[in-house]
Amino acid sequence: MDRLTDLALYVAVVDTGSMSAAARRLETTPAQVSKRLQLLEASLGARLLHRTTRRLTPTTEGERFLERCRNILEEVREAEAEIRAEQSQPAGIIKLTASASFGRRHIAPALPQFLARYPAVQIHLLLTDAVVDLVEEGLDLAIRIGAAPDSRLVAFPLAVNRRVLCASPAYLATHGRPQTPEDLAGHNCLLLDRPGIREQSWRLQGPTQLHRVKVRGNLVVNNGEVIGAAAEAGLGIAIKSTWDIGEALGAGRLERVLPDYRLPEADLVALTPHRRHLQRKVRLLIDHLKQHFGPEPYWDRETTTGEGRGPAAPQPAAEDGARENGGQTAD
């Protein structure tokens, strides 16, 4: 631990600006601080401090070394705190964000059980359809669907997100049921248009090939719930996630269209700011949500359609679809 002690000593000298002040902070003598600092510089082969009669300040090399020292010491403190936390109940605030619709339907109902189990934890939940910057806003966790890659964030898979074509029985009785993806061009398609998502064509993976169909319709809206309600009202065909319409499918208010064709999927993930040690309370919440949703999400188990996930879509198609929609999905 001598090297860690030396790093802490160097940081204390820079923070206090003098060896005597650093010695008081570390409960040692100025002579001992001076000796350890000289040995550290000798081992590094670099001068770390400018020494004047008034104050000690870092050299250019010392500034770079200082930043690394602070990071190393912080990592050690976090590791020690994590081990201690394993022996006690988690506490503190978790700042969490999710989309308004998914958060209201599926995140909020999962929280009471978690908070009852960990009463010292507080959750600050921000429901918004805007893509919030976790790093800039100081958030601990975001629940997103089809999140675009961000090198500053770490993604933890939570659940599969199945997306299906659907319409009401009344619409299909009046306008007919599409038999091929190309038939969609002749139907009224309900389209989503919001930042990062502008639907002009739909991509469907069939048993043997990928189909890309240009679509149009008389309703373009920036809210997925409105599209779901319009589909139930018989206005047209929509792309919806089963977490949003699972109950409507089970009750028969909506029916799947072209069930043998699969849409590009963008699964449900938990995003955290990139850090080597994840806070225990955040990790526990991620684990809780994953268990709450289940290996096969409960909203899929509750449907009575009996239809499977369909043929597997090649990964490039899903990646292309995510890029086309700015990394988000139509709800």
C-alpha atoms as a PDB file:
ATOM      1  CA  MET A   1       0.000   0.000   0.000  1.00  0.00           C
ATOM      2  CA  ASP A   2       3.101   2.317   0.056  1.00  0.00           C
ATOM      3  CA  ARG A   3       2.521   3.442  -3.519  1.00  0.00           C
ATOM      4  CA  LEU A   4      -1.137   4.304  -2.821  1.00  0.00           C
ATOM      5  CA  THR A   5       0.037   6.201   0.256  1.00  0.00           C
ATOM      6  CA  ASP A   6       2.469   8.128  -1.927  1.00  0.00           C
ATOM      7  CA  LEU A   7      -0.283   8.992  -4.403  1.00  0.00           C
ATOM      8  CA  ALA A   8      -2.514  10.248  -1.581  1.00  0.00           C
ATOM      9  CA  LEU A   9       0.426  12.217  -0.208  1.00  0.00           C
ATOM     10  CA  TYR A  10       1.084  13.880  -3.563  1.00  0.00           C
ATOM     11  CA  VAL A  11      -2.599  14.832  -3.941  1.00  0.00           C
ATOM     12  CA  ALA A  12      -2.624  16.260  -0.405  1.00  0.00           C
ATOM     13  CA  VAL A  13       0.460  18.380  -1.128  1.00  0.00           C
ATOM     14  CA  VAL A  14      -1.118  19.809  -4.287  1.00  0.00           C
ATOM     15  CA  ASP A  15      -4.475  20.414  -2.596  1.00  0.00           C
ATOM     16  CA  THR A  16      -2.971  22.190   0.421  1.00  0.00           C
ATOM     17  CA  GLY A  17      -0.101  23.906  -1.393  1.00  0.00           C
ATOM     18  CA  SER A  18       2.497  23.089   1.261  1.00  0.00           C
ATOM     19  CA  MET A  19       4.223  20.132   2.848  1.00  0.00           C
ATOM     20  CA  SER A  20       3.438  21.246   6.384  1.00  0.00           C
ATOM     21  CA  ALA A  21      -0.298  21.495   5.633  1.00  0.00           C
ATOM     22  CA  ALA A  22      -0.216  18.124   3.906  1.00  0.00           C
ATOM     23  CA  ALA A  23       1.594  16.672   6.897  1.00  0.00           C
ATOM     24  CA  ARG A  24      -1.127  17.919   9.244  1.00  0.00           C
ATOM     25  CA  ARG A  25      -3.820  16.423   7.018  1.00  0.00           C
ATOM     26  CA  LEU A  26      -2.009  13.064   6.864  1.00  0.00           C
ATOM     27  CA  GLU A  27      -0.965  13.147  10.536  1.00  0.00           C
ATOM     28  CA  THR A  28       2.741  12.874   9.827  1.00  0.00           C
ATOM     29  CA  THR A  29       5.749  15.228   9.761  1.00  0.00           C
ATOM     30  CA  PRO A  30       6.801  17.689   7.026  1.00  0.00           C
ATOM     31  CA  ALA A  31      10.160  15.932   6.843  1.00  0.00           C
ATOM     32  CA  GLN A  32       8.472  12.610   6.139  1.00  0.00           C
ATOM     33  CA  VAL A  33       6.254  14.217   3.455  1.00  0.00           C
ATOM     34  CA  SER A  34       9.312  15.795   1.804  1.00  0.00           C
ATOM     35  CA  LYS A  35      11.227  12.504   1.866  1.00  0.00           C
ATOM     36  CA  ARG A  36       8.357  10.456   0.373  1.00  0.00           C
ATOM     37  CA  LEU A  37       7.767  13.082  -2.302  1.00  0.00           C
ATOM     38  CA  GLN A  38      11.436  13.060  -3.328  1.00  0.00           C
ATOM     39  CA  LEU A  39      11.416   9.261  -3.526  1.00  0.00           C
ATOM     40  CA  LEU A  40       8.262   9.380  -5.661  1.00  0.00           C
ATOM     41  CA  GLU A  41       9.806  11.855  -8.097  1.00  0.00           C
ATOM     42  CA  ALA A  42      12.979   9.774  -8.253  1.00  0.00           C
ATOM     43  CA  SER A  43      11.042   6.597  -9.018  1.00  0.00           C
ATOM     44  CA  LEU A  44       9.144   8.377 -11.799  1.00  0.00           C
ATOM     45  CA  GLY A  45      12.188  10.146 -13.167  1.00  0.00           C
ATOM     46  CA  ALA A  46      10.213  13.384 -13.384  1.00  0.00           C
ATOM     47  CA  ARG A  47       9.788  16.576 -11.391  1.00  0.00           C
ATOM     48  CA  LEU A  48       6.187  16.819 -10.159  1.00  0.00           C
ATOM     49  CA  LEU A  49       6.211  20.175  -8.324  1.00  0.00           C
ATOM     50  CA  HIS A  50       7.465  23.706  -8.726  1.00  0.00           C
ATOM     51  CA  ARG A  51       8.859  24.662  -5.305  1.00  0.00           C
ATOM     52  CA  THR A  52       8.742  28.298  -4.191  1.00  0.00           C
ATOM     53  CA  THR A  53       8.920  29.898  -0.781  1.00  0.00           C
ATOM     54  CA  ARG A  54       5.178  30.593  -0.875  1.00  0.00           C
ATOM     55  CA  ARG A  55       3.533  27.580  -2.484  1.00  0.00           C
ATOM     56  CA  LEU A  56       4.029  24.256  -4.236  1.00  0.00           C
ATOM     57  CA  THR A  57       2.380  23.937  -7.656  1.00  0.00           C
ATOM     58  CA  PRO A  58       2.356  21.030 -10.146  1.00  0.00           C
ATOM     59  CA  THR A  59       4.603  20.965 -13.178  1.00  0.00           C
ATOM     60  CA  THR A  60       3.133  19.999 -16.556  1.00  0.00           C
ATOM     61  CA  GLU A  61       4.028  16.367 -15.852  1.00  0.00           C
ATOM     62  CA  GLY A  62       2.706  16.816 -12.335  1.00  0.00           C
ATOM     63  CA  GLU A  63      -0.700  17.983 -13.627  1.00  0.00           C
ATOM     64  CA  ARG A  64      -1.101  14.873 -15.777  1.00  0.00           C
ATOM     65  CA  PHE A  65       0.033  12.655 -12.929  1.00  0.00           C
ATOM     66  CA  LEU A  66      -2.326  14.415 -10.525  1.00  0.00           C
ATOM     67  CA  GLU A  67      -5.380  13.588 -12.644  1.00  0.00           C
ATOM     68  CA  ARG A  68      -4.388   9.925 -12.769  1.00  0.00           C
ATOM     69  CA  CYS A  69      -3.749   9.882  -9.025  1.00  0.00           C
ATOM     70  CA  ARG A  70      -7.190  11.302  -8.295  1.00  0.00           C
ATOM     71  CA  ASN A  71      -8.824   8.700 -10.550  1.00  0.00           C
ATOM     72  CA  ILE A  72      -6.912   5.827  -8.955  1.00  0.00           C
ATOM     73  CA  LEU A  73      -7.724   6.942  -5.433  1.00  0.00           C
ATOM     74  CA  GLU A  74     -11.384   7.410  -6.343  1.00  0.00           C
ATOM     75  CA  GLU A  75     -11.503   3.901  -7.824  1.00  0.00           C
ATOM     76  CA  VAL A  76     -10.061   2.501  -4.606  1.00  0.00           C
ATOM     77  CA  ARG A  77     -12.573   4.428  -2.479  1.00  0.00           C
ATOM     78  CA  GLU A  78     -15.456   3.215  -4.675  1.00  0.00           C
ATOM     79  CA  ALA A  79     -14.234  -0.388  -4.500  1.00  0.00           C
ATOM     80  CA  GLU A  80     -13.972  -0.207  -0.710  1.00  0.00           C
ATOM     81  CA  ALA A  81     -17.373   1.449  -0.450  1.00  0.00           C
ATOM     82  CA  GLU A  82     -18.904  -1.207  -2.680  1.00  0.00           C
ATOM     83  CA  ILE A  83     -17.570  -4.011  -0.497  1.00  0.00           C
ATOM     84  CA  ARG A  84     -18.821  -2.277   2.657  1.00  0.00           C
ATOM     85  CA  ALA A  85     -22.191  -1.673   1.020  1.00  0.00           C
ATOM     86  CA  GLU A  86     -22.595  -5.382   0.355  1.00  0.00           C
ATOM     87  CA  GLN A  87     -22.829  -5.800   4.120  1.00  0.00           C
ATOM     88  CA  SER A  88     -25.538  -3.187   4.561  1.00  0.00           C
ATOM     89  CA  GLN A  89     -28.765  -1.995   3.027  1.00  0.00           C
ATOM     90  CA  PRO A  90     -28.378   0.278  -0.024  1.00  0.00           C
ATOM     91  CA  ALA A  91     -29.308   3.906   0.514  1.00  0.00           C
ATOM     92  CA  GLY A  92     -29.472   7.164  -1.374  1.00  0.00           C
ATOM     93  CA  ILE A  93     -31.100   8.589  -4.489  1.00  0.00           C
ATOM     94  CA  ILE A  94     -31.411   6.886  -7.879  1.00  0.00           C
ATOM     95  CA  LYS A  95     -32.173   9.327 -10.682  1.00  0.00           C
ATOM     96  CA  LEU A  96     -34.028   7.362 -13.351  1.00  0.00           C
ATOM     97  CA  THR A  97     -35.563   8.344 -16.686  1.00  0.00           C
ATOM     98  CA  ALA A  98     -37.837   6.500 -19.113  1.00  0.00           C
ATOM     99  CA  SER A  99     -40.248   7.305 -21.912  1.00  0.00           C
ATOM    100  CA  ALA A 100     -43.604   8.618 -20.719  1.00  0.00           C
ATOM    101  CA  SER A 101     -45.697   5.730 -22.017  1.00  0.00           C
ATOM    102  CA  PHE A 102     -43.416   2.817 -21.140  1.00  0.00           C
ATOM    103  CA  GLY A 103     -42.517   4.391 -17.816  1.00  0.00           C
ATOM    104  CA  ARG A 104     -46.141   4.839 -16.834  1.00  0.00           C
ATOM    105  CA  ARG A 105     -47.190   1.346 -17.948  1.00  0.00           C
ATOM    106  CA  HIS A 106     -44.233  -0.789 -16.907  1.00  0.00           C
ATOM    107  CA  ILE A 107     -41.629   1.075 -14.830  1.00  0.00           C
ATOM    108  CA  ALA A 108     -43.851   2.782 -12.265  1.00  0.00           C
ATOM    109  CA  PRO A 109     -45.704  -0.460 -11.324  1.00  0.00           C
ATOM    110  CA  ALA A 110     -42.362  -2.182 -10.682  1.00  0.00           C
ATOM    111  CA  LEU A 111     -41.075   0.414  -8.219  1.00  0.00           C
ATOM    112  CA  PRO A 112     -43.229  -0.119  -5.091  1.00  0.00           C
ATOM    113  CA  GLN A 113     -41.885  -3.632  -4.532  1.00  0.00           C
ATOM    114  CA  PHE A 114     -38.298  -2.423  -4.958  1.00  0.00           C
ATOM    115  CA  LEU A 115     -38.776   0.511  -2.573  1.00  0.00           C
ATOM    116  CA  ALA A 116     -40.487  -1.721  -0.015  1.00  0.00           C
ATOM    117  CA  ARG A 117     -37.487  -4.031  -0.083  1.00  0.00           C
ATOM    118  CA  TYR A 118     -34.957  -1.167   0.106  1.00  0.00           C
ATOM    119  CA  PRO A 119     -36.659   1.561   2.170  1.00  0.00           C
ATOM    120  CA  ALA A 120     -33.489   3.693   2.448  1.00  0.00           C
ATOM    121  CA  VAL A 121     -33.429   4.211  -1.325  1.00  0.00           C
ATOM    122  CA  GLN A 122     -35.209   7.122  -3.006  1.00  0.00           C
ATOM    123  CA  ILE A 123     -36.092   7.082  -6.703  1.00  0.00           C
ATOM    124  CA  HIS A 124     -36.443  10.286  -8.697  1.00  0.00           C
ATOM    125  CA  LEU A 125     -38.311   9.254 -11.858  1.00  0.00           C
ATOM    126  CA  LEU A 126     -38.309  11.500 -14.921  1.00  0.00           C
ATOM    127  CA  LEU A 127     -40.830  10.443 -17.585  1.00  0.00           C
ATOM    128  CA  THR A 128     -40.175  12.118 -20.915  1.00  0.00           C
ATOM    129  CA  ASP A 129     -40.101  11.197 -24.586  1.00  0.00           C
ATOM    130  CA  ALA A 130     -37.063  13.446 -25.058  1.00  0.00           C
ATOM    131  CA  VAL A 131     -33.707  11.665 -25.169  1.00  0.00           C
ATOM    132  CA  VAL A 132     -32.114  13.041 -22.007  1.00  0.00           C
ATOM    133  CA  ASP A 133     -28.321  13.252 -21.760  1.00  0.00           C
ATOM    134  CA  LEU A 134     -27.503  11.161 -18.681  1.00  0.00           C
ATOM    135  CA  VAL A 135     -24.023  12.574 -18.250  1.00  0.00           C
ATOM    136  CA  GLU A 136     -24.995  16.234 -18.546  1.00  0.00           C
ATOM    137  CA  GLU A 137     -28.141  15.875 -16.426  1.00  0.00           C
ATOM    138  CA  GLY A 138     -26.478  13.791 -13.715  1.00  0.00           C
ATOM    139  CA  LEU A 139     -28.855  10.834 -14.113  1.00  0.00           C
ATOM    140  CA  ASP A 140     -27.972   7.360 -12.876  1.00  0.00           C
ATOM    141  CA  LEU A 141     -30.092   5.246 -15.184  1.00  0.00           C
ATOM    142  CA  ALA A 142     -32.196   5.433 -18.362  1.00  0.00           C
ATOM    143  CA  ILE A 143     -34.624   2.804 -19.605  1.00  0.00           C
ATOM    144  CA  ARG A 144     -34.750   2.988 -23.397  1.00  0.00           C
ATOM    145  CA  ILE A 145     -35.863   0.990 -26.396  1.00  0.00           C
ATOM    146  CA  GLY A 146     -33.450   0.646 -29.263  1.00  0.00           C
ATOM    147  CA  ALA A 147     -30.990   3.137 -27.832  1.00  0.00           C
ATOM    148  CA  ALA A 148     -28.380   4.498 -30.226  1.00  0.00           C
ATOM    149  CA  PRO A 149     -24.770   3.612 -29.347  1.00  0.00           C
ATOM    150  CA  ASP A 150     -23.080   6.134 -27.048  1.00  0.00           C
ATOM    151  CA  SER A 151     -19.519   5.503 -25.925  1.00  0.00           C
ATOM    152  CA  ARG A 152     -20.225   7.347 -22.674  1.00  0.00           C
ATOM    153  CA  LEU A 153     -22.917   4.842 -21.675  1.00  0.00           C
ATOM    154  CA  VAL A 154     -23.041   1.162 -20.718  1.00  0.00           C
ATOM    155  CA  ALA A 155     -26.076  -0.890 -21.810  1.00  0.00           C
ATOM    156  CA  PHE A 156     -27.587  -3.698 -19.724  1.00  0.00           C
ATOM    157  CA  PRO A 157     -30.195  -5.852 -21.542  1.00  0.00           C
ATOM    158  CA  LEU A 158     -33.552  -5.936 -19.766  1.00  0.00           C
ATOM    159  CA  ALA A 159     -36.115  -7.561 -22.056  1.00  0.00           C
ATOM    160  CA  VAL A 160     -36.963  -8.441 -25.627  1.00  0.00           C
ATOM    161  CA  ASN A 161     -39.009  -5.837 -27.469  1.00  0.00           C
ATOM    162  CA  ARG A 162     -41.299  -7.420 -30.048  1.00  0.00           C
ATOM    163  CA  ARG A 163     -42.704  -5.070 -32.681  1.00  0.00           C
ATOM    164  CA  VAL A 164     -45.627  -6.142 -34.841  1.00  0.00           C
ATOM    165  CA  LEU A 165     -47.897  -4.887 -37.586  1.00  0.00           C
ATOM    166  CA  CYS A 166     -51.439  -4.620 -36.327  1.00  0.00           C
ATOM    167  CA  ALA A 167     -54.907  -3.355 -37.218  1.00  0.00           C
ATOM    168  CA  SER A 168     -58.423  -3.588 -35.848  1.00  0.00           C
ATOM    169  CA  PRO A 169     -60.788  -6.364 -36.990  1.00  0.00           C
ATOM    170  CA  ALA A 170     -63.086  -3.665 -38.413  1.00  0.00           C
ATOM    171  CA  TYR A 171     -60.339  -2.177 -40.596  1.00  0.00           C
ATOM    172  CA  LEU A 172     -59.318  -5.600 -41.908  1.00  0.00           C
ATOM    173  CA  ALA A 173     -62.941  -6.543 -42.612  1.00  0.00           C
ATOM    174  CA  THR A 174     -63.436  -3.367 -44.638  1.00  0.00           C
ATOM    175  CA  HIS A 175     -60.102  -3.070 -46.447  1.00  0.00           C
ATOM    176  CA  GLY A 176     -58.878  -6.651 -46.552  1.00  0.00           C
ATOM    177  CA  ARG A 177     -55.911  -8.336 -44.942  1.00  0.00           C
ATOM    178  CA  PRO A 178     -52.498  -7.827 -46.599  1.00  0.00           C
ATOM    179  CA  GLN A 179     -50.986 -11.083 -47.851  1.00  0.00           C
ATOM    180  CA  THR A 180     -47.512  -9.777 -48.712  1.00  0.00           C
ATOM    181  CA  PRO A 181     -45.428  -6.814 -47.547  1.00  0.00           C
ATOM    182  CA  GLU A 182     -45.958  -5.168 -50.920  1.00  0.00           C
ATOM    183  CA  ASP A 183     -49.703  -5.075 -50.233  1.00  0.00           C
ATOM    184  CA  LEU A 184     -49.030  -2.473 -47.519  1.00  0.00           C
ATOM    185  CA  ALA A 185     -48.512   0.158 -50.207  1.00  0.00           C
ATOM    186  CA  GLY A 186     -52.246   0.030 -50.858  1.00  0.00           C
ATOM    187  CA  HIS A 187     -53.284   0.447 -47.218  1.00  0.00           C
ATOM    188  CA  ASN A 188     -53.630   3.388 -44.873  1.00  0.00           C
ATOM    189  CA  CYS A 189     -50.535   3.170 -42.659  1.00  0.00           C
ATOM    190  CA  LEU A 190     -50.346   5.112 -39.413  1.00  0.00           C
ATOM    191  CA  LEU A 191     -46.932   6.779 -39.202  1.00  0.00           C
ATOM    192  CA  LEU A 192     -44.725   8.026 -36.398  1.00  0.00           C
ATOM    193  CA  ASP A 193     -42.815  11.291 -36.819  1.00  0.00           C
ATOM    194  CA  ARG A 194     -40.755  12.643 -33.945  1.00  0.00           C
ATOM    195  CA  PRO A 195     -37.087  13.582 -33.423  1.00  0.00           C
ATOM    196  CA  GLY A 196     -34.937  10.691 -34.628  1.00  0.00           C
ATOM    197  CA  ILE A 197     -37.904   8.810 -36.097  1.00  0.00           C
ATOM    198  CA  ARG A 198     -39.512   9.630 -39.418  1.00  0.00           C
ATOM    199  CA  GLU A 199     -41.249   6.674 -40.998  1.00  0.00           C
ATOM    200  CA  GLN A 200     -41.346   6.670 -44.789  1.00  0.00           C
ATOM    201  CA  SER A 201     -40.784   2.974 -45.382  1.00  0.00           C
ATOM    202  CA  TRP A 202     -41.207  -0.194 -43.376  1.00  0.00           C
ATOM    203  CA  ARG A 203     -38.724  -3.071 -43.373  1.00  0.00           C
ATOM    204  CA  LEU A 204     -39.962  -6.631 -42.902  1.00  0.00           C
ATOM    205  CA  GLN A 205     -37.887  -9.808 -42.786  1.00  0.00           C
ATOM    206  CA  GLY A 206     -39.616 -12.764 -44.351  1.00  0.00           C
ATOM    207  CA  PRO A 207     -38.665 -16.440 -44.372  1.00  0.00           C
ATOM    208  CA  THR A 208     -36.322 -15.954 -47.344  1.00  0.00           C
ATOM    209  CA  GLN A 209     -35.722 -12.239 -47.929  1.00  0.00           C
ATOM    210  CA  LEU A 210     -35.895  -8.711 -46.585  1.00  0.00           C
ATOM    211  CA  HIS A 211     -38.718  -6.482 -47.864  1.00  0.00           C
ATOM    212  CA  ARG A 212     -38.640  -2.684 -47.817  1.00  0.00           C
ATOM    213  CA  VAL A 213     -41.996  -1.086 -48.593  1.00  0.00           C
ATOM    214  CA  LYS A 214     -42.777   2.604 -48.997  1.00  0.00           C
ATOM    215  CA  VAL A 215     -45.861   3.437 -46.956  1.00  0.00           C
ATOM    216  CA  ARG A 216     -48.236   6.361 -46.649  1.00  0.00           C
ATOM    217  CA  GLY A 217     -51.293   7.275 -44.616  1.00  0.00           C
ATOM    218  CA  ASN A 218     -53.586  10.074 -43.504  1.00  0.00           C
ATOM    219  CA  LEU A 219     -52.286  10.222 -39.920  1.00  0.00           C
ATOM    220  CA  VAL A 220     -48.721  11.184 -39.025  1.00  0.00           C
ATOM    221  CA  VAL A 221     -48.187  11.842 -35.325  1.00  0.00           C
ATOM    222  CA  ASN A 222     -45.344  12.202 -32.828  1.00  0.00           C
ATOM    223  CA  ASN A 223     -46.947  10.041 -30.128  1.00  0.00           C
ATOM    224  CA  GLY A 224     -47.069   6.239 -30.153  1.00  0.00           C
ATOM    225  CA  GLU A 225     -50.124   6.034 -27.889  1.00  0.00           C
ATOM    226  CA  VAL A 226     -52.141   8.089 -30.369  1.00  0.00           C
ATOM    227  CA  ILE A 227     -51.163   5.679 -33.132  1.00  0.00           C
ATOM    228  CA  GLY A 228     -52.282   2.724 -31.018  1.00  0.00           C
ATOM    229  CA  ALA A 229     -55.631   4.353 -30.288  1.00  0.00           C
ATOM    230  CA  ALA A 230     -56.103   5.183 -33.982  1.00  0.00           C
ATOM    231  CA  ALA A 231     -55.384   1.593 -34.931  1.00  0.00           C
ATOM    232  CA  GLU A 232     -57.946   0.338 -32.416  1.00  0.00           C
ATOM    233  CA  ALA A 233     -60.445   2.847 -33.828  1.00  0.00           C
ATOM    234  CA  GLY A 234     -60.094   1.222 -37.272  1.00  0.00           C
ATOM    235  CA  LEU A 235     -58.157   3.992 -38.998  1.00  0.00           C
ATOM    236  CA  GLY A 236     -55.341   1.876 -40.437  1.00  0.00           C
ATOM    237  CA  ILE A 237     -52.348  -0.419 -39.973  1.00  0.00           C
ATOM    238  CA  ALA A 238     -49.646   0.454 -37.447  1.00  0.00           C
ATOM    239  CA  ILE A 239     -46.303  -0.748 -36.145  1.00  0.00           C
ATOM    240  CA  LYS A 240     -46.549  -1.209 -32.394  1.00  0.00           C
ATOM    241  CA  SER A 241     -44.529  -2.815 -29.632  1.00  0.00           C
ATOM    242  CA  THR A 242     -46.273  -5.594 -27.764  1.00  0.00           C
ATOM    243  CA  TRP A 243     -45.524  -3.895 -24.431  1.00  0.00           C
ATOM    244  CA  ASP A 244     -47.956  -1.217 -25.601  1.00  0.00           C
ATOM    245  CA  ILE A 245     -50.666  -3.333 -27.258  1.00  0.00           C
ATOM    246  CA  GLY A 246     -50.329  -6.735 -25.607  1.00  0.00           C
ATOM    247  CA  GLU A 247     -53.641  -6.343 -23.796  1.00  0.00           C
ATOM    248  CA  ALA A 248     -55.395  -5.132 -26.976  1.00  0.00           C
ATOM    249  CA  LEU A 249     -54.087  -8.151 -28.889  1.00  0.00           C
ATOM    250  CA  GLY A 250     -55.210 -10.494 -26.132  1.00  0.00           C
ATOM    251  CA  ALA A 251     -58.664  -8.916 -26.007  1.00  0.00           C
ATOM    252  CA  GLY A 252     -59.052  -9.034 -29.796  1.00  0.00           C
ATOM    253  CA  ARG A 253     -59.293  -5.264 -30.277  1.00  0.00           C
ATOM    254  CA  LEU A 254     -56.227  -5.511 -32.492  1.00  0.00           C
ATOM    255  CA  GLU A 255     -54.995  -8.326 -34.703  1.00  0.00           C
ATOM    256  CA  ARG A 256     -51.559  -9.024 -36.061  1.00  0.00           C
ATOM    257  CA  VAL A 257     -50.979  -8.339 -39.730  1.00  0.00           C
ATOM    258  CA  LEU A 258     -48.449 -10.349 -41.760  1.00  0.00           C
ATOM    259  CA  PRO A 259     -47.462 -12.446 -38.723  1.00  0.00           C
ATOM    260  CA  ASP A 260     -44.942 -14.466 -40.754  1.00  0.00           C
ATOM    261  CA  TYR A 261     -42.828 -11.357 -41.306  1.00  0.00           C
ATOM    262  CA  ARG A 262     -40.630  -9.855 -38.652  1.00  0.00           C
ATOM    263  CA  LEU A 263     -39.799  -6.206 -38.037  1.00  0.00           C
ATOM    264  CA  PRO A 264     -36.323  -5.087 -36.968  1.00  0.00           C
ATOM    265  CA  GLU A 265     -36.152  -5.330 -33.207  1.00  0.00           C
ATOM    266  CA  ALA A 266     -34.608  -2.895 -30.768  1.00  0.00           C
ATOM    267  CA  ASP A 267     -34.705  -4.415 -27.325  1.00  0.00           C
ATOM    268  CA  LEU A 268     -35.289  -2.827 -23.945  1.00  0.00           C
ATOM    269  CA  VAL A 269     -32.055  -1.779 -22.234  1.00  0.00           C
ATOM    270  CA  ALA A 270     -30.921   0.004 -19.090  1.00  0.00           C
ATOM    271  CA  LEU A 271     -28.251   2.633 -19.761  1.00  0.00           C
ATOM    272  CA  THR A 272     -25.829   3.944 -17.163  1.00  0.00           C
ATOM    273  CA  PRO A 273     -22.965   6.441 -17.450  1.00  0.00           C
ATOM    274  CA  HIS A 274     -19.714   4.661 -18.246  1.00  0.00           C
ATOM    275  CA  ARG A 275     -17.941   3.848 -15.005  1.00  0.00           C
ATOM    276  CA  ARG A 276     -15.865   0.948 -13.825  1.00  0.00           C
ATOM    277  CA  HIS A 277     -17.859   0.361 -10.636  1.00  0.00           C
ATOM    278  CA  LEU A 278     -21.642   0.475 -10.849  1.00  0.00           C
ATOM    279  CA  GLN A 279     -23.329   1.683  -7.672  1.00  0.00           C
ATOM    280  CA  ARG A 280     -24.909  -1.198  -5.828  1.00  0.00           C
ATOM    281  CA  LYS A 281     -28.331   0.419  -5.545  1.00  0.00           C
ATOM    282  CA  VAL A 282     -28.409   1.015  -9.309  1.00  0.00           C
ATOM    283  CA  ARG A 283     -27.322  -2.538 -10.044  1.00  0.00           C
ATOM    284  CA  LEU A 284     -30.044  -3.851  -7.715  1.00  0.00           C
ATOM    285  CA  LEU A 285     -32.676  -1.792  -9.531  1.00  0.00           C
ATOM    286  CA  ILE A 286     -31.517  -3.106 -12.913  1.00  0.00           C
ATOM    287  CA  ASP A 287     -31.695  -6.680 -11.615  1.00  0.00           C
ATOM    288  CA  HIS A 288     -35.139  -6.017 -10.142  1.00  0.00           C
ATOM    289  CA  LEU A 289     -36.523  -4.657 -13.422  1.00  0.00           C
ATOM    290  CA  LYS A 290     -35.055  -7.553 -15.395  1.00  0.00           C
ATOM    291  CA  GLN A 291     -36.668 -10.053 -13.047  1.00  0.00           C
ATOM    292  CA  HIS A 292     -39.944  -8.097 -13.037  1.00  0.00           C
ATOM    293  CA  PHE A 293     -40.205  -8.196 -16.836  1.00  0.00           C
ATOM    294  CA  GLY A 294     -39.108 -11.837 -17.056  1.00  0.00           C
ATOM    295  CA  PRO A 295     -37.156 -13.834 -19.697  1.00  0.00           C
ATOM    296  CA  GLU A 296     -40.322 -13.738 -21.790  1.00  0.00           C
ATOM    297  CA  PRO A 297     -41.856 -10.352 -20.926  1.00  0.00           C
ATOM    298  CA  TYR A 298     -45.177 -10.609 -19.137  1.00  0.00           C
ATOM    299  CA  TRP A 299     -46.882  -8.410 -21.733  1.00  0.00           C
ATOM    300  CA  ASP A 300     -46.143 -11.111 -24.331  1.00  0.00           C
ATOM    301  CA  ARG A 301     -47.234 -13.949 -22.043  1.00  0.00           C
ATOM    302  CA  GLU A 302     -50.550 -12.211 -21.444  1.00  0.00           C
ATOM    303  CA  THR A 303     -51.518 -12.110 -25.123  1.00  0.00           C
ATOM    304  CA  THR A 304     -53.671 -14.959 -26.432  1.00  0.00           C
ATOM    305  CA  THR A 305     -52.593 -14.755 -30.071  1.00  0.00           C
ATOM    306  CA  GLY A 306     -50.414 -17.823 -29.727  1.00  0.00           C
ATOM    307  CA  GLU A 307     -48.035 -16.502 -32.368  1.00  0.00           C
ATOM    308  CA  GLY A 308     -44.300 -16.848 -31.949  1.00  0.00           C
ATOM    309  CA  ARG A 309     -41.555 -14.374 -32.609  1.00  0.00           C
ATOM    310  CA  GLY A 310     -41.348 -15.309 -36.297  1.00  0.00           C
ATOM    311  CA  PRO A 311     -38.234 -16.060 -38.343  1.00  0.00           C
ATOM    312  CA  ALA A 312     -35.012 -14.536 -37.128  1.00  0.00           C
ATOM    313  CA  ALA A 313     -34.044 -11.351 -38.898  1.00  0.00           C
ATOM    314  CA  PRO A 314     -30.422 -10.939 -40.002  1.00  0.00           C
ATOM    315  CA  GLN A 315     -28.542  -8.573 -37.714  1.00  0.00           C
ATOM    316  CA  PRO A 316     -27.573  -6.102 -40.482  1.00  0.00           C
ATOM    317  CA  ALA A 317     -31.234  -5.413 -41.194  1.00  0.00           C
ATOM    318  CA  ALA A 318     -31.905  -4.526 -37.560  1.00  0.00           C
ATOM    319  CA  GLU A 319     -28.815  -2.331 -37.468  1.00  0.00           C
ATOM    320  CA  ASP A 320     -29.839  -0.530 -40.652  1.00  0.00           C
ATOM    321  CA  GLY A 321     -33.300   0.056 -39.245  1.00  0.00           C
ATOM    322  CA  ALA A 322     -31.878   1.494 -36.029  1.00  0.00           C
ATOM    323  CA  ARG A 323     -29.693   3.913 -37.956  1.00  0.00           C
ATOM    324  CA  GLU A 324     -32.585   4.924 -40.195  1.00  0.00           C
ATOM    325  CA  ASN A 325     -34.698   5.752 -37.153  1.00  0.00           C
ATOM    326  CA  GLY A 326     -31.927   7.479 -35.244  1.00  0.00           C
ATOM    327  CA  GLY A 327     -31.579   4.551 -32.838  1.00  0.00           C
ATOM    328  CA  GLN A 328     -35.176   4.768 -31.595  1.00  0.00           C
ATOM    329  CA  THR A 329     -38.189   2.651 -32.427  1.00  0.00           C
ATOM    330  CA  ALA A 330     -41.806   3.270 -33.170  1.00  0.00           C
ATOM    331  CA  ASP A 331     -43.748   2.514 -30.001  1.00  0.00           C
END
